[in-house]
Amino acid sequence: MADDESTYLSYLLRLWRGADKERPVWHASLEHPISGERRGFSSLEALFTFLRRACAPEPDDDADVK
């Protein structure tokens, strides 16, 4: 991954509330502003999991940490 891609992430975030068996539930989508690629998430937990993975340090990033 290029250096600028590993230090900066940008997405258009959309949130909306739906219902799951009479209970309100939040849904989300992220859109990459350059490629237009869009990902949908059925819960905020799924969104957060994706973001945690996207922001996780790459294995080489930890090589200098002791």
Protein backbone atom coordinates (compact mmCIF):
# COMPACT_ATOMS: atom_id res chain seq x y z
CA MET A 1 0.00 0.00 0.00
CA ALA A 2 1.33 3.46 -0.82
CA ASP A 3 2.40 5.66 2.08
CA ASP A 4 -0.37 8.23 1.55
CA GLU A 5 -3.00 5.47 1.48
CA SER A 6 -1.76 3.98 4.74
CA THR A 7 -1.80 7.29 6.63
CA TYR A 8 -5.05 8.76 5.34
CA LEU A 9 -8.46 7.20 4.71
CA SER A 10 -11.49 9.01 3.37
CA TYR A 11 -15.05 7.73 3.02
CA LEU A 12 -18.49 9.20 2.60
CA LEU A 13 -20.54 7.80 5.50
CA ARG A 14 -24.30 7.34 5.24
CA LEU A 15 -26.40 6.27 8.24
CA TRP A 16 -30.08 5.44 8.35
CA ARG A 17 -32.39 3.84 10.86
CA GLY A 18 -34.54 0.89 9.92
CA ALA A 19 -36.56 -1.63 11.86
CA ASP A 20 -35.67 -5.23 12.68
CA LYS A 21 -38.72 -7.02 14.11
CA GLU A 22 -40.25 -3.81 15.46
CA ARG A 23 -36.93 -2.69 16.96
CA PRO A 24 -34.99 0.28 15.53
CA VAL A 25 -31.61 -0.65 14.06
CA TRP A 26 -28.94 1.54 12.45
CA HIS A 27 -27.56 0.68 9.01
CA ALA A 28 -24.59 2.28 7.28
CA SER A 29 -22.72 2.52 4.02
CA LEU A 30 -19.25 3.81 3.19
CA GLU A 31 -18.33 5.11 -0.24
CA HIS A 32 -14.76 5.64 -1.40
CA PRO A 33 -14.75 9.16 -2.91
CA ILE A 34 -12.35 8.38 -5.77
CA SER A 35 -13.23 4.85 -6.85
CA GLY A 36 -16.93 5.10 -5.98
CA GLU A 37 -16.73 1.66 -4.35
CA ARG A 38 -19.53 1.31 -1.81
CA ARG A 39 -19.82 -1.07 1.15
CA GLY A 40 -23.00 -1.66 3.11
CA PHE A 41 -23.28 -2.63 6.78
CA SER A 42 -26.33 -4.08 8.50
CA SER A 43 -25.23 -2.81 11.92
CA LEU A 44 -22.96 -0.26 13.52
CA GLU A 45 -20.92 -3.12 14.96
CA ALA A 46 -20.17 -4.38 11.43
CA LEU A 47 -19.17 -0.85 10.39
CA PHE A 48 -16.86 -0.49 13.39
CA THR A 49 -15.26 -3.88 12.71
CA PHE A 50 -14.49 -2.82 9.13
CA LEU A 51 -13.01 0.50 10.29
CA ARG A 52 -10.88 -1.17 12.98
CA ARG A 53 -9.43 -3.53 10.35
CA ALA A 54 -8.89 -0.71 7.86
CA CYS A 55 -7.01 1.31 10.51
CA ALA A 56 -5.02 -1.57 11.97
CA PRO A 57 -1.27 -1.23 11.63
CA GLU A 58 0.30 -3.36 8.93
CA PRO A 59 2.72 -6.04 10.20
CA ASP A 60 5.74 -4.04 8.95
CA ASP A 61 4.53 -0.97 10.88
CA ASP A 62 5.14 -2.78 14.17
CA ALA A 63 8.67 -3.91 13.25
CA ASP A 64 10.25 -0.75 14.73
CA VAL A 65 8.25 -0.98 17.99
CA LYS A 66 9.96 -2.86 20.80
